[in-house]
Every structure is written in structure tokens, then in C-alpha cells.
Amino acid sequence: MKAIIVHGGAGRVVKNIEETRKGIQIALFNGYKLLTSKNDAVMAVVEAVKTMEDNPIFNCGTGSTLNILGEAEMDASLMFISHIGEEPKFGAVAVIKSVKNPILIAQKILEETDHLLLAGEGALRFARKLGFEPYNPVTEERLKQLEEYKQKGDFGYFSKLSNYLRWETVGAVAIDDKGGIAVATSTGGILGKLPGRVGDTAIIGGGTYVSSFGGASATGHGEGIMKLLLTEYATNLMSGYPATYPFLGEHAPAFHGVYNPDLRWNTPLVAYFLPRLFHFHDSIGFQFCRRWVEGCLGSQTQILNPT
């Protein structure tokens, strides 16, 4: 049974709402098209995230938020298992500049190296060696956003950024008919971050995680997500509980109230339990998950269950 979920981040959408919704839908369609034609969860999530990296409305690839020096330093990761019981594979890139699609480089790190993570200049040299051409992902909109941030004179690092986090990390989770589960996540990070800052997206178990029980992609305050290894925790919960469990009861505050208790617009974790939902044919749980995610993130999350 095939399924894919795509998210555009936890940030508040205060303008370009329809463009954001359309961008999510296009990413979802592109990912699902490969999922159906190739029956490959990895290809599906990579294509979905790549589509969002090419759309300046999102905080990844072209349109990434800028560090305090006005540079786009991007993180991305990919993790998958090809069948239940297999050891997961992981590849990530961090603090990379001057490339168009960080998720494609993370994929190459996974497929063509013995490493899990490359960062900074080393990651860029690796990308150039593989033929990824120089590209400037900085947009006028993001430069303007940074200038407004500087003029405001608020350099509290993260404490006062809520008015600026209009878009956040993007991600996708898919399952294919072979039992493969894949997660891809990509981000430009948080506006005004210090140069060299690495967020949760590039950290295994932080922003991206897969196991035989399911997969999760995180979005929100990266430092907090990394401290808790939140996606690993969410995925491990699926080993003994229904897929809806982390949204309910005593575990809900841990996922959704740690960094921003206002669940109406922001959550530190977009944990996608779709693989487990379909693996166990928990259609009631799926419908709950759909309603919860759409209610929490509005136009920034799309779920496709064609079957």
C-alpha cells in the first residue's frame, strides 16, 4: 500500500497562503507520481522535497532564510529502510552554500560515501566533484526579511523570532508497496542564525528518522528538537502503540507544548505515522492523523492516500 505526506513547515503563514498551499500540492503530486510509477519511497520523498527547494516560497533551497551575514547555509537529510527489519540508511549535509538542491547532495552522501554527514566547505567540495554547479539560493525577499530583522535591533538569537518565522523546514514521508519507508527533510534554518549553525535537520534522530515502525520529519526550534532526539522518540513510540498515540494523552505535551504551546499555528514536531497506519490498516487512526495535522498546520501539510 502506497502513501505519502508532505509538509511545508511549522512557521506561521501570514501571506502567500494560496501560493504555499499550491506549492505543497505540487510537491505532493510530484512525489506521488514517482511513488506510483517507480514504487520507490526514496525517489518519492526526494522529489517532493526537491520540488519545494525549487520554490522560493519555502525555507529551503532557493528561498532559504539567511544567517546574520546574509548567507544561505542549508541543511538536508535523507533516511530510509527498503523493507521491514532492515538497518536504516542515512545521509545528510549541513551548512552548505551555493547549491540549488541540498537534498540531492544528502542523497549522494548516503549512496556514494561511507559517511553519514558532510558539512560546510567539505560538503561543497564533494558536491562540486559530483557535478553540482554553483548556484545562488539567496532571494530579494529573504534579504529584505533579514534587513528588517536587523533594523528591529533584536538580537536575542531565538527568543523573539516568532514574527519572522513565516516558513520553516520542509519534509516528506512515504511508504511503498515493498515495505520501504523513507523520510527527507530540508531547511535554510532560522533567520539571523550565527554562521556555521547546524540545526536538527542534519541530525539523525533529530529532524529525520526511520525505523521498521514508521518515520518522522521534524520542523520547529532545532535546538530543542536535537536535545530530545524527537523524531527517534516519536518513531520508537510506534513500536508499541497505535500511530495516533503520540498525539494523545500524556505524550502530547512532550511533542506539541515544549517550544510553543499555541498548537493552532506551530508545532515543534511534524511526526508522520502514516507508514505504521497503513502497515496495520488503522484507517480510523489515519483519519485522526489527517484531521489533527490539517487542523494544526493548516495549509502547510498535505496527505495523499489514494488507496
C-alpha atoms as a PDB file:
ATOM      1  CA  MET A   1       0.000   0.000   0.000  1.00  0.00           C
ATOM      2  CA  LYS A   2       1.442   3.365  -1.039  1.00  0.00           C
ATOM      3  CA  ALA A   3       1.141   6.664   0.791  1.00  0.00           C
ATOM      4  CA  ILE A   4       2.962   9.985   1.069  1.00  0.00           C
ATOM      5  CA  ILE A   5       2.747  13.046   3.308  1.00  0.00           C
ATOM      6  CA  VAL A   6       4.401  16.395   2.568  1.00  0.00           C
ATOM      7  CA  HIS A   7       4.816  19.339   4.943  1.00  0.00           C
ATOM      8  CA  GLY A   8       5.940  22.908   4.373  1.00  0.00           C
ATOM      9  CA  GLY A   9       6.980  23.701   7.913  1.00  0.00           C
ATOM     10  CA  ALA A  10       5.717  24.905  11.252  1.00  0.00           C
ATOM     11  CA  GLY A  11       6.092  28.632  10.650  1.00  0.00           C
ATOM     12  CA  ARG A  12       3.091  30.937  10.554  1.00  0.00           C
ATOM     13  CA  VAL A  13       1.759  31.624   7.046  1.00  0.00           C
ATOM     14  CA  VAL A  14       0.863  35.317   7.102  1.00  0.00           C
ATOM     15  CA  LYS A  15       0.878  35.939   3.370  1.00  0.00           C
ATOM     16  CA  ASN A  16       1.021  33.991   0.126  1.00  0.00           C
ATOM     17  CA  ILE A  17      -1.298  31.429   1.680  1.00  0.00           C
ATOM     18  CA  GLU A  18      -2.646  30.137  -1.618  1.00  0.00           C
ATOM     19  CA  GLU A  19       0.827  30.026  -3.137  1.00  0.00           C
ATOM     20  CA  THR A  20       2.008  28.000  -0.162  1.00  0.00           C
ATOM     21  CA  ARG A  21      -0.896  25.605  -0.469  1.00  0.00           C
ATOM     22  CA  LYS A  22      -0.304  25.223  -4.196  1.00  0.00           C
ATOM     23  CA  GLY A  23       3.401  24.622  -3.627  1.00  0.00           C
ATOM     24  CA  ILE A  24       2.624  21.830  -1.185  1.00  0.00           C
ATOM     25  CA  GLN A  25       0.148  20.271  -3.590  1.00  0.00           C
ATOM     26  CA  ILE A  26       2.648  20.333  -6.464  1.00  0.00           C
ATOM     27  CA  ALA A  27       5.321  18.743  -4.276  1.00  0.00           C
ATOM     28  CA  LEU A  28       2.847  16.108  -3.176  1.00  0.00           C
ATOM     29  CA  PHE A  29       1.820  15.355  -6.757  1.00  0.00           C
ATOM     30  CA  ASN A  30       5.411  15.117  -7.979  1.00  0.00           C
ATOM     31  CA  GLY A  31       6.355  12.793  -5.152  1.00  0.00           C
ATOM     32  CA  TYR A  32       3.310  10.598  -5.561  1.00  0.00           C
ATOM     33  CA  LYS A  33       3.810  10.366  -9.317  1.00  0.00           C
ATOM     34  CA  LEU A  34       7.179   8.692  -8.711  1.00  0.00           C
ATOM     35  CA  LEU A  35       5.790   6.616  -5.883  1.00  0.00           C
ATOM     36  CA  THR A  36       3.203   5.099  -8.210  1.00  0.00           C
ATOM     37  CA  SER A  37       5.355   4.754 -11.314  1.00  0.00           C
ATOM     38  CA  LYS A  38       8.541   3.511  -9.609  1.00  0.00           C
ATOM     39  CA  ASN A  39       7.124   2.093  -6.349  1.00  0.00           C
ATOM     40  CA  ASP A  40      10.070   3.701  -4.576  1.00  0.00           C
ATOM     41  CA  ALA A  41       9.599   5.656  -1.353  1.00  0.00           C
ATOM     42  CA  VAL A  42      13.077   7.213  -1.561  1.00  0.00           C
ATOM     43  CA  MET A  43      12.513   8.637  -5.024  1.00  0.00           C
ATOM     44  CA  ALA A  44       9.137   9.971  -3.894  1.00  0.00           C
ATOM     45  CA  VAL A  45      10.317  11.905  -0.850  1.00  0.00           C
ATOM     46  CA  VAL A  46      13.415  13.244  -2.591  1.00  0.00           C
ATOM     47  CA  GLU A  47      11.334  14.532  -5.495  1.00  0.00           C
ATOM     48  CA  ALA A  48       8.777  16.108  -3.166  1.00  0.00           C
ATOM     49  CA  VAL A  49      11.437  17.919  -1.160  1.00  0.00           C
ATOM     50  CA  LYS A  50      13.385  18.904  -4.282  1.00  0.00           C
ATOM     51  CA  THR A  51      10.208  20.486  -5.650  1.00  0.00           C
ATOM     52  CA  MET A  52       9.924  22.620  -2.519  1.00  0.00           C
ATOM     53  CA  GLU A  53      13.621  23.519  -2.656  1.00  0.00           C
ATOM     54  CA  ASP A  54      12.979  24.959  -6.111  1.00  0.00           C
ATOM     55  CA  ASN A  55      10.052  27.068  -4.872  1.00  0.00           C
ATOM     56  CA  PRO A  56      11.145  30.332  -3.165  1.00  0.00           C
ATOM     57  CA  ILE A  57       8.018  30.364  -1.021  1.00  0.00           C
ATOM     58  CA  PHE A  58       9.591  27.742   1.248  1.00  0.00           C
ATOM     59  CA  ASN A  59      12.529  27.931   3.641  1.00  0.00           C
ATOM     60  CA  CYS A  60      14.845  25.517   1.819  1.00  0.00           C
ATOM     61  CA  GLY A  61      16.983  25.638  -1.304  1.00  0.00           C
ATOM     62  CA  THR A  62      16.013  28.766  -3.230  1.00  0.00           C
ATOM     63  CA  GLY A  63      14.319  30.952  -0.647  1.00  0.00           C
ATOM     64  CA  SER A  64      16.256  29.722   2.376  1.00  0.00           C
ATOM     65  CA  THR A  65      16.369  32.091   5.319  1.00  0.00           C
ATOM     66  CA  LEU A  66      19.703  33.849   5.825  1.00  0.00           C
ATOM     67  CA  ASN A  67      22.242  33.883   8.613  1.00  0.00           C
ATOM     68  CA  ILE A  68      23.266  37.147  10.253  1.00  0.00           C
ATOM     69  CA  LEU A  69      25.803  37.784   7.464  1.00  0.00           C
ATOM     70  CA  GLY A  70      23.204  37.409   4.721  1.00  0.00           C
ATOM     71  CA  GLU A  71      24.312  33.926   3.623  1.00  0.00           C
ATOM     72  CA  ALA A  72      22.120  30.937   2.884  1.00  0.00           C
ATOM     73  CA  GLU A  73      23.567  27.991   4.834  1.00  0.00           C
ATOM     74  CA  MET A  74      21.402  24.939   4.243  1.00  0.00           C
ATOM     75  CA  ASP A  75      20.858  21.538   5.856  1.00  0.00           C
ATOM     76  CA  ALA A  76      19.160  18.453   4.419  1.00  0.00           C
ATOM     77  CA  SER A  77      18.870  14.768   5.237  1.00  0.00           C
ATOM     78  CA  LEU A  78      17.503  11.520   3.861  1.00  0.00           C
ATOM     79  CA  MET A  79      16.833   8.286   5.735  1.00  0.00           C
ATOM     80  CA  PHE A  80      15.164   5.068   4.625  1.00  0.00           C
ATOM     81  CA  ILE A  81      14.705   1.357   5.018  1.00  0.00           C
ATOM     82  CA  SER A  82      13.901  -0.732   1.961  1.00  0.00           C
ATOM     83  CA  HIS A  83      11.925  -3.306   3.933  1.00  0.00           C
ATOM     84  CA  ILE A  84      10.813  -4.030   7.465  1.00  0.00           C
ATOM     85  CA  GLY A  85      13.658  -5.270   9.641  1.00  0.00           C
ATOM     86  CA  GLU A  86      16.454  -3.774   7.560  1.00  0.00           C
ATOM     87  CA  GLU A  87      19.042  -1.486   9.130  1.00  0.00           C
ATOM     88  CA  PRO A  88      18.193   2.110   8.188  1.00  0.00           C
ATOM     89  CA  LYS A  89      20.443   4.115   5.863  1.00  0.00           C
ATOM     90  CA  PHE A  90      21.117   7.812   6.430  1.00  0.00           C
ATOM     91  CA  GLY A  91      22.821  10.680   4.634  1.00  0.00           C
ATOM     92  CA  ALA A  92      22.915  14.379   5.451  1.00  0.00           C
ATOM     93  CA  VAL A  93      24.513  17.665   4.503  1.00  0.00           C
ATOM     94  CA  ALA A  94      24.924  20.673   6.801  1.00  0.00           C
ATOM     95  CA  VAL A  95      25.882  24.330   6.455  1.00  0.00           C
ATOM     96  CA  ILE A  96      26.243  24.053   2.680  1.00  0.00           C
ATOM     97  CA  LYS A  97      26.193  27.156   0.490  1.00  0.00           C
ATOM     98  CA  SER A  98      25.906  27.903  -3.197  1.00  0.00           C
ATOM     99  CA  VAL A  99      23.959  24.828  -4.308  1.00  0.00           C
ATOM    100  CA  LYS A 100      20.423  24.531  -5.615  1.00  0.00           C
ATOM    101  CA  ASN A 101      19.218  21.265  -4.095  1.00  0.00           C
ATOM    102  CA  PRO A 102      20.788  20.186  -0.785  1.00  0.00           C
ATOM    103  CA  ILE A 103      18.535  17.115  -0.636  1.00  0.00           C
ATOM    104  CA  LEU A 104      20.213  15.710  -3.762  1.00  0.00           C
ATOM    105  CA  ILE A 105      23.614  16.095  -2.125  1.00  0.00           C
ATOM    106  CA  ALA A 106      22.371  14.376   1.029  1.00  0.00           C
ATOM    107  CA  GLN A 107      21.201  11.534  -1.208  1.00  0.00           C
ATOM    108  CA  LYS A 108      24.644  11.263  -2.799  1.00  0.00           C
ATOM    109  CA  ILE A 109      26.303  11.217   0.620  1.00  0.00           C
ATOM    110  CA  LEU A 110      24.040   8.319   1.559  1.00  0.00           C
ATOM    111  CA  GLU A 111      24.581   6.395  -1.675  1.00  0.00           C
ATOM    112  CA  GLU A 112      28.187   7.111  -2.582  1.00  0.00           C
ATOM    113  CA  THR A 113      30.152   7.595   0.646  1.00  0.00           C
ATOM    114  CA  ASP A 114      30.812   5.740   3.881  1.00  0.00           C
ATOM    115  CA  HIS A 115      29.835   8.815   5.875  1.00  0.00           C
ATOM    116  CA  LEU A 116      26.547   9.933   7.391  1.00  0.00           C
ATOM    117  CA  LEU A 117      27.112  13.696   7.319  1.00  0.00           C
ATOM    118  CA  LEU A 118      29.253  16.194   5.438  1.00  0.00           C
ATOM    119  CA  ALA A 119      29.313  19.878   6.349  1.00  0.00           C
ATOM    120  CA  GLY A 120      30.489  23.253   5.138  1.00  0.00           C
ATOM    121  CA  GLU A 121      33.379  23.510   2.699  1.00  0.00           C
ATOM    122  CA  GLY A 122      33.936  19.764   2.647  1.00  0.00           C
ATOM    123  CA  ALA A 123      30.341  19.184   1.646  1.00  0.00           C
ATOM    124  CA  LEU A 124      30.634  21.837  -1.052  1.00  0.00           C
ATOM    125  CA  ARG A 125      33.797  20.292  -2.488  1.00  0.00           C
ATOM    126  CA  PHE A 126      32.036  16.922  -2.562  1.00  0.00           C
ATOM    127  CA  ALA A 127      29.088  18.465  -4.398  1.00  0.00           C
ATOM    128  CA  ARG A 128      31.309  20.149  -6.970  1.00  0.00           C
ATOM    129  CA  LYS A 129      33.213  16.933  -7.586  1.00  0.00           C
ATOM    130  CA  LEU A 130      29.913  15.256  -8.421  1.00  0.00           C
ATOM    131  CA  GLY A 131      28.994  17.996 -10.854  1.00  0.00           C
ATOM    132  CA  PHE A 132      26.593  20.134  -8.819  1.00  0.00           C
ATOM    133  CA  GLU A 133      27.006  23.585 -10.340  1.00  0.00           C
ATOM    134  CA  PRO A 134      27.379  26.869  -8.424  1.00  0.00           C
ATOM    135  CA  TYR A 135      24.023  28.420  -7.603  1.00  0.00           C
ATOM    136  CA  ASN A 136      22.908  31.407  -5.543  1.00  0.00           C
ATOM    137  CA  PRO A 137      19.825  30.488  -3.454  1.00  0.00           C
ATOM    138  CA  VAL A 138      19.548  33.947  -1.854  1.00  0.00           C
ATOM    139  CA  THR A 139      16.374  35.825  -2.819  1.00  0.00           C
ATOM    140  CA  GLU A 140      15.480  39.505  -2.550  1.00  0.00           C
ATOM    141  CA  GLU A 141      12.606  38.601  -0.246  1.00  0.00           C
ATOM    142  CA  ARG A 142      14.962  36.930   2.220  1.00  0.00           C
ATOM    143  CA  LEU A 143      17.442  39.814   2.068  1.00  0.00           C
ATOM    144  CA  LYS A 144      14.617  42.206   2.863  1.00  0.00           C
ATOM    145  CA  GLN A 145      13.467  39.991   5.691  1.00  0.00           C
ATOM    146  CA  LEU A 146      16.957  39.943   7.204  1.00  0.00           C
ATOM    147  CA  GLU A 147      17.305  43.708   6.893  1.00  0.00           C
ATOM    148  CA  GLU A 148      14.019  44.203   8.736  1.00  0.00           C
ATOM    149  CA  TYR A 149      15.263  41.854  11.424  1.00  0.00           C
ATOM    150  CA  LYS A 150      18.495  43.832  11.823  1.00  0.00           C
ATOM    151  CA  GLN A 151      16.715  47.189  11.870  1.00  0.00           C
ATOM    152  CA  LYS A 152      14.456  45.949  14.609  1.00  0.00           C
ATOM    153  CA  GLY A 153      17.593  45.636  16.720  1.00  0.00           C
ATOM    154  CA  ASP A 154      16.541  42.385  18.333  1.00  0.00           C
ATOM    155  CA  PHE A 155      19.492  40.028  18.502  1.00  0.00           C
ATOM    156  CA  GLY A 156      18.182  37.650  21.140  1.00  0.00           C
ATOM    157  CA  TYR A 157      19.175  34.788  18.817  1.00  0.00           C
ATOM    158  CA  PHE A 158      15.923  32.854  19.040  1.00  0.00           C
ATOM    159  CA  SER A 159      13.756  34.361  21.740  1.00  0.00           C
ATOM    160  CA  LYS A 160      11.991  36.974  19.607  1.00  0.00           C
ATOM    161  CA  LEU A 161      11.828  35.346  16.194  1.00  0.00           C
ATOM    162  CA  SER A 162       8.170  34.358  16.121  1.00  0.00           C
ATOM    163  CA  ASN A 163       7.179  37.346  13.988  1.00  0.00           C
ATOM    164  CA  TYR A 164       9.684  36.360  11.330  1.00  0.00           C
ATOM    165  CA  LEU A 165       9.270  32.614  11.097  1.00  0.00           C
ATOM    166  CA  ARG A 166       6.732  32.666   8.308  1.00  0.00           C
ATOM    167  CA  TRP A 167       8.014  29.449   6.778  1.00  0.00           C
ATOM    168  CA  GLU A 168      10.042  26.641   8.194  1.00  0.00           C
ATOM    169  CA  THR A 169      11.733  23.365   7.399  1.00  0.00           C
ATOM    170  CA  VAL A 170      10.078  21.164   4.761  1.00  0.00           C
ATOM    171  CA  GLY A 171       9.810  17.403   4.690  1.00  0.00           C
ATOM    172  CA  ALA A 172       8.160  14.321   3.258  1.00  0.00           C
ATOM    173  CA  VAL A 173       7.487  10.764   4.407  1.00  0.00           C
ATOM    174  CA  ALA A 174       6.434   7.888   2.148  1.00  0.00           C
ATOM    175  CA  ILE A 175       5.868   4.143   2.165  1.00  0.00           C
ATOM    176  CA  ASP A 176       5.906   1.935  -0.918  1.00  0.00           C
ATOM    177  CA  ASP A 177       4.406  -1.466  -1.704  1.00  0.00           C
ATOM    178  CA  LYS A 178       7.700  -3.194  -0.907  1.00  0.00           C
ATOM    179  CA  GLY A 179       7.513  -2.041   2.700  1.00  0.00           C
ATOM    180  CA  GLY A 180      10.123   0.658   2.155  1.00  0.00           C
ATOM    181  CA  ILE A 181       9.823   3.757   4.340  1.00  0.00           C
ATOM    182  CA  ALA A 182      11.670   6.979   3.520  1.00  0.00           C
ATOM    183  CA  VAL A 183      11.935  10.434   5.071  1.00  0.00           C
ATOM    184  CA  ALA A 184      13.508  13.554   3.539  1.00  0.00           C
ATOM    185  CA  THR A 185      13.903  16.923   5.274  1.00  0.00           C
ATOM    186  CA  SER A 186      15.436  20.196   4.083  1.00  0.00           C
ATOM    187  CA  THR A 187      15.855  23.663   5.587  1.00  0.00           C
ATOM    188  CA  GLY A 188      17.551  27.020   5.426  1.00  0.00           C
ATOM    189  CA  GLY A 189      17.451  27.200   9.202  1.00  0.00           C
ATOM    190  CA  ILE A 190      16.308  30.102  11.361  1.00  0.00           C
ATOM    191  CA  LEU A 191      16.572  33.737  10.288  1.00  0.00           C
ATOM    192  CA  GLY A 192      19.572  35.552  11.717  1.00  0.00           C
ATOM    193  CA  LYS A 193      21.338  32.447  12.969  1.00  0.00           C
ATOM    194  CA  LEU A 194      25.081  32.546  13.585  1.00  0.00           C
ATOM    195  CA  PRO A 195      27.270  31.376  10.688  1.00  0.00           C
ATOM    196  CA  GLY A 196      28.046  27.684  10.983  1.00  0.00           C
ATOM    197  CA  ARG A 197      24.943  26.819  12.989  1.00  0.00           C
ATOM    198  CA  VAL A 198      23.680  23.274  12.352  1.00  0.00           C
ATOM    199  CA  GLY A 199      20.026  22.579  13.065  1.00  0.00           C
ATOM    200  CA  ASP A 200      18.108  19.402  13.779  1.00  0.00           C
ATOM    201  CA  THR A 201      17.515  18.610  10.092  1.00  0.00           C
ATOM    202  CA  ALA A 202      21.021  17.226   9.622  1.00  0.00           C
ATOM    203  CA  ILE A 203      20.991  15.200  12.840  1.00  0.00           C
ATOM    204  CA  ILE A 204      19.905  11.561  12.744  1.00  0.00           C
ATOM    205  CA  GLY A 205      17.032  11.119  15.175  1.00  0.00           C
ATOM    206  CA  GLY A 206      16.667  14.884  15.482  1.00  0.00           C
ATOM    207  CA  GLY A 207      14.974  16.197  12.377  1.00  0.00           C
ATOM    208  CA  THR A 208      14.711  12.916  10.450  1.00  0.00           C
ATOM    209  CA  TYR A 209      14.267   9.317  11.497  1.00  0.00           C
ATOM    210  CA  VAL A 210      13.052   5.987  10.128  1.00  0.00           C
ATOM    211  CA  SER A 211      12.671   2.555  11.673  1.00  0.00           C
ATOM    212  CA  SER A 212      10.626  -0.539  10.953  1.00  0.00           C
ATOM    213  CA  PHE A 213       7.811   1.103  12.899  1.00  0.00           C
ATOM    214  CA  GLY A 214       7.492   4.276  10.827  1.00  0.00           C
ATOM    215  CA  GLY A 215       9.135   7.588  10.004  1.00  0.00           C
ATOM    216  CA  ALA A 216       9.123  11.182  11.188  1.00  0.00           C
ATOM    217  CA  SER A 217      10.181  14.603   9.877  1.00  0.00           C
ATOM    218  CA  ALA A 218      10.550  17.485  12.325  1.00  0.00           C
ATOM    219  CA  THR A 219      10.037  21.208  11.984  1.00  0.00           C
ATOM    220  CA  GLY A 220      10.401  23.960  14.544  1.00  0.00           C
ATOM    221  CA  HIS A 221      13.054  25.018  17.080  1.00  0.00           C
ATOM    222  CA  GLY A 222      16.018  22.876  16.084  1.00  0.00           C
ATOM    223  CA  GLU A 223      17.966  23.186  19.319  1.00  0.00           C
ATOM    224  CA  GLY A 224      15.078  21.800  21.325  1.00  0.00           C
ATOM    225  CA  ILE A 225      14.394  19.028  18.835  1.00  0.00           C
ATOM    226  CA  MET A 226      18.045  17.942  18.922  1.00  0.00           C
ATOM    227  CA  LYS A 227      18.128  17.811  22.716  1.00  0.00           C
ATOM    228  CA  LEU A 228      15.287  15.304  22.767  1.00  0.00           C
ATOM    229  CA  LEU A 229      16.137  13.399  19.560  1.00  0.00           C
ATOM    230  CA  LEU A 230      12.476  13.954  18.923  1.00  0.00           C
ATOM    231  CA  THR A 231      11.897  12.048  15.697  1.00  0.00           C
ATOM    232  CA  GLU A 232      13.607   8.939  17.043  1.00  0.00           C
ATOM    233  CA  TYR A 233      11.449   9.152  20.138  1.00  0.00           C
ATOM    234  CA  ALA A 234       8.286   9.588  18.094  1.00  0.00           C
ATOM    235  CA  THR A 235       9.123   6.668  15.853  1.00  0.00           C
ATOM    236  CA  ASN A 236      10.013   4.414  18.781  1.00  0.00           C
ATOM    237  CA  LEU A 237       6.608   5.073  20.312  1.00  0.00           C
ATOM    238  CA  MET A 238       5.105   3.378  17.294  1.00  0.00           C
ATOM    239  CA  SER A 239       6.682   0.083  18.321  1.00  0.00           C
ATOM    240  CA  GLY A 240       4.065  -0.460  20.998  1.00  0.00           C
ATOM    241  CA  TYR A 241       1.246   1.998  20.464  1.00  0.00           C
ATOM    242  CA  PRO A 242      -1.245   2.953  17.764  1.00  0.00           C
ATOM    243  CA  ALA A 243       0.004   5.606  15.409  1.00  0.00           C
ATOM    244  CA  THR A 244      -2.284   8.230  16.942  1.00  0.00           C
ATOM    245  CA  TYR A 245      -0.889   7.704  20.461  1.00  0.00           C
ATOM    246  CA  PRO A 246       1.777  10.446  20.403  1.00  0.00           C
ATOM    247  CA  PHE A 247      -0.990  12.949  19.619  1.00  0.00           C
ATOM    248  CA  LEU A 248      -2.957  11.978  22.702  1.00  0.00           C
ATOM    249  CA  GLY A 249      -2.718  11.812  26.464  1.00  0.00           C
ATOM    250  CA  GLU A 250       0.474  12.241  28.437  1.00  0.00           C
ATOM    251  CA  HIS A 251       2.744  12.299  25.376  1.00  0.00           C
ATOM    252  CA  ALA A 252       1.014  15.189  23.611  1.00  0.00           C
ATOM    253  CA  PRO A 253       2.653  17.965  25.707  1.00  0.00           C
ATOM    254  CA  ALA A 254       6.075  16.457  25.058  1.00  0.00           C
ATOM    255  CA  PHE A 255       5.571  16.773  21.331  1.00  0.00           C
ATOM    256  CA  HIS A 256       3.491  19.855  20.978  1.00  0.00           C
ATOM    257  CA  GLY A 257       3.920  22.066  24.008  1.00  0.00           C
ATOM    258  CA  VAL A 258       7.638  22.126  24.678  1.00  0.00           C
ATOM    259  CA  TYR A 259       8.576  25.054  22.474  1.00  0.00           C
ATOM    260  CA  ASN A 260       5.315  26.709  21.575  1.00  0.00           C
ATOM    261  CA  PRO A 261       2.150  25.744  23.404  1.00  0.00           C
ATOM    262  CA  ASP A 262      -0.041  27.507  20.838  1.00  0.00           C
ATOM    263  CA  LEU A 263      -0.878  24.467  18.734  1.00  0.00           C
ATOM    264  CA  ARG A 264      -3.167  26.424  16.471  1.00  0.00           C
ATOM    265  CA  TRP A 265      -0.282  27.521  14.311  1.00  0.00           C
ATOM    266  CA  ASN A 266       3.016  25.992  15.351  1.00  0.00           C
ATOM    267  CA  THR A 267       4.323  22.632  16.492  1.00  0.00           C
ATOM    268  CA  PRO A 268       7.936  21.630  17.100  1.00  0.00           C
ATOM    269  CA  LEU A 269       7.342  18.267  15.503  1.00  0.00           C
ATOM    270  CA  VAL A 270       5.507  17.119  12.442  1.00  0.00           C
ATOM    271  CA  ALA A 271       5.671  13.402  13.116  1.00  0.00           C
ATOM    272  CA  TYR A 272       4.226  11.336  10.341  1.00  0.00           C
ATOM    273  CA  PHE A 273       2.993   7.981  11.422  1.00  0.00           C
ATOM    274  CA  LEU A 274       1.485   7.093   8.066  1.00  0.00           C
ATOM    275  CA  PRO A 275       3.726   4.068   7.440  1.00  0.00           C
ATOM    276  CA  ARG A 276       2.521   2.403  10.618  1.00  0.00           C
ATOM    277  CA  LEU A 277      -1.035   3.455   9.985  1.00  0.00           C
ATOM    278  CA  PHE A 278      -1.129   1.677   6.679  1.00  0.00           C
ATOM    279  CA  HIS A 279       1.014  -1.230   7.786  1.00  0.00           C
ATOM    280  CA  PHE A 280      -1.595  -2.058  10.409  1.00  0.00           C
ATOM    281  CA  HIS A 281      -4.541  -0.840   8.323  1.00  0.00           C
ATOM    282  CA  ASP A 282      -5.538   1.574  11.042  1.00  0.00           C
ATOM    283  CA  SER A 283      -7.917   3.634   8.920  1.00  0.00           C
ATOM    284  CA  ILE A 284      -9.506   5.275  11.955  1.00  0.00           C
ATOM    285  CA  GLY A 285      -6.076   6.351  13.156  1.00  0.00           C
ATOM    286  CA  PHE A 286      -5.258   7.700   9.721  1.00  0.00           C
ATOM    287  CA  GLN A 287      -8.356   9.867   9.645  1.00  0.00           C
ATOM    288  CA  PHE A 288      -7.498  11.203  13.090  1.00  0.00           C
ATOM    289  CA  CYS A 289      -3.952  11.934  11.973  1.00  0.00           C
ATOM    290  CA  ARG A 290      -5.257  13.737   8.903  1.00  0.00           C
ATOM    291  CA  ARG A 291      -7.627  15.914  10.910  1.00  0.00           C
ATOM    292  CA  TRP A 292      -5.029  16.680  13.567  1.00  0.00           C
ATOM    293  CA  VAL A 293      -2.270  17.623  11.142  1.00  0.00           C
ATOM    294  CA  GLU A 294      -4.502  19.722   8.915  1.00  0.00           C
ATOM    295  CA  GLY A 295      -6.033  21.442  11.929  1.00  0.00           C
ATOM    296  CA  CYS A 296      -2.649  22.206  13.430  1.00  0.00           C
ATOM    297  CA  LEU A 297      -0.708  23.272  10.369  1.00  0.00           C
ATOM    298  CA  GLY A 298      -3.470  24.415   8.066  1.00  0.00           C
ATOM    299  CA  SER A 299      -2.347  24.912   4.503  1.00  0.00           C
ATOM    300  CA  GLN A 300       1.201  23.714   5.113  1.00  0.00           C
ATOM    301  CA  THR A 301       0.569  19.974   5.256  1.00  0.00           C
ATOM    302  CA  GLN A 302      -0.919  17.680   2.621  1.00  0.00           C
ATOM    303  CA  ILE A 303      -1.627  13.955   2.890  1.00  0.00           C
ATOM    304  CA  LEU A 304      -2.310  11.681  -0.046  1.00  0.00           C
ATOM    305  CA  ASN A 305      -3.989   8.332   0.475  1.00  0.00           C
ATOM    306  CA  PRO A 306      -5.230   7.349  -2.977  1.00  0.00           C
ATOM    307  CA  THR A 307      -5.940   3.780  -1.983  1.00  0.00           C
END
